[in-house]
Protein backbone atom coordinates (compact mmCIF):
# COMPACT_ATOMS: atom_id res chain seq x y z
CA MET A 1 154.60 259.06 8.40
CA SER A 2 151.72 261.45 8.84
CA ARG A 3 150.36 262.47 12.21
CA ILE A 4 146.87 261.02 11.81
CA CYS A 5 145.02 258.78 14.27
CA GLU A 6 144.37 255.41 12.62
CA LEU A 7 141.11 254.83 14.51
CA THR A 8 139.41 258.23 14.57
CA GLY A 9 141.01 260.02 11.61
CA LYS A 10 141.98 263.02 13.72
CA LYS A 11 144.76 265.17 12.28
CA ALA A 12 146.44 268.52 12.87
CA MET A 13 144.39 271.71 12.70
CA VAL A 14 145.62 275.17 11.71
CA GLY A 15 145.02 278.27 13.80
CA ASN A 16 146.64 281.46 15.03
CA ASN A 17 149.00 282.42 17.81
CA VAL A 18 147.55 285.65 19.16
CA SER A 19 149.85 287.99 21.06
CA HIS A 20 148.82 290.52 23.69
CA ALA A 21 148.93 293.17 20.94
CA MET A 22 146.54 290.98 18.89
CA ASN A 23 149.21 290.14 16.27
CA LYS A 24 148.35 286.84 14.60
CA THR A 25 150.79 284.26 13.29
CA LYS A 26 149.92 280.84 11.91
CA ARG A 27 150.43 277.75 14.08
CA LYS A 28 149.47 274.08 14.14
CA PHE A 29 147.44 272.23 16.74
CA ASN A 30 148.88 268.71 16.58
CA VAL A 31 147.02 265.60 17.70
CA ASN A 32 148.13 263.86 20.90
CA LEU A 33 149.30 260.62 19.22
CA MET A 34 150.83 257.51 20.74
CA THR A 35 152.01 254.25 19.22
CA LYS A 36 150.37 251.36 21.10
CA ARG A 37 150.14 247.60 20.72
CA PHE A 38 146.76 245.97 21.21
CA TYR A 39 145.83 242.31 21.54
CA ILE A 40 142.74 241.24 19.59
CA PRO A 41 141.40 238.01 21.11
CA GLU A 42 139.02 237.27 18.20
CA GLU A 43 141.89 237.16 15.72
CA ASP A 44 144.44 235.92 18.33
CA LYS A 45 147.08 238.48 17.30
CA TRP A 46 148.77 241.72 18.31
CA ILE A 47 148.48 244.88 16.20
CA THR A 48 150.37 248.17 16.47
CA LEU A 49 148.36 251.35 15.92
CA LYS A 50 149.09 255.06 16.07
CA VAL A 51 146.16 256.34 18.14
CA SER A 52 145.11 259.62 19.75
CA ALA A 53 144.43 260.04 23.45
CA SER A 54 140.68 260.28 22.77
CA ALA A 55 140.82 257.00 20.82
CA LEU A 56 142.46 255.35 23.85
CA LYS A 57 139.59 256.57 26.01
CA ASN A 58 137.12 255.04 23.55
CA ILE A 59 139.06 251.76 23.62
CA ASN A 60 138.93 251.70 27.43
CA LYS A 61 135.19 252.39 27.33
CA LYS A 62 133.99 250.18 24.43
CA GLY A 63 136.80 247.67 23.91
CA ILE A 64 139.33 247.33 21.11
CA SER A 65 137.16 245.04 18.96
CA ALA A 66 134.22 247.47 18.85
CA VAL A 67 136.43 250.47 18.10
CA ILE A 68 138.25 248.67 15.27
CA LYS A 69 134.91 247.59 13.82
CA GLU A 70 133.70 251.22 13.80
CA ALA A 71 136.98 252.44 12.25
CA ARG A 72 136.73 249.88 9.43
CA LYS A 73 133.11 250.90 8.83
CA LYS A 74 134.11 254.59 8.56
CA GLY A 75 137.09 253.73 6.34
CA PHE A 76 139.91 254.83 8.65
CA LEU A 77 141.37 251.35 9.14
CA THR A 78 141.74 249.13 6.11
CA LYS A 79 143.60 246.16 7.64
């Protein structure tokens, strides 16, 4: 499975490792992903999502229902 946040759409970025001698080699900046279960009271069910740390902060701030609504609107979550 790909390393993409299901709520925000965040995915790995590509950059460079830069040594002291300024030599550059390619590297990946992966997303801080976690698999979490959330209870949705409106639908009375549990769902499992792969979410980033920033998405968890948004869930704590706005609530799971509002964040899922935004993700469906943006097209990240199709369930």
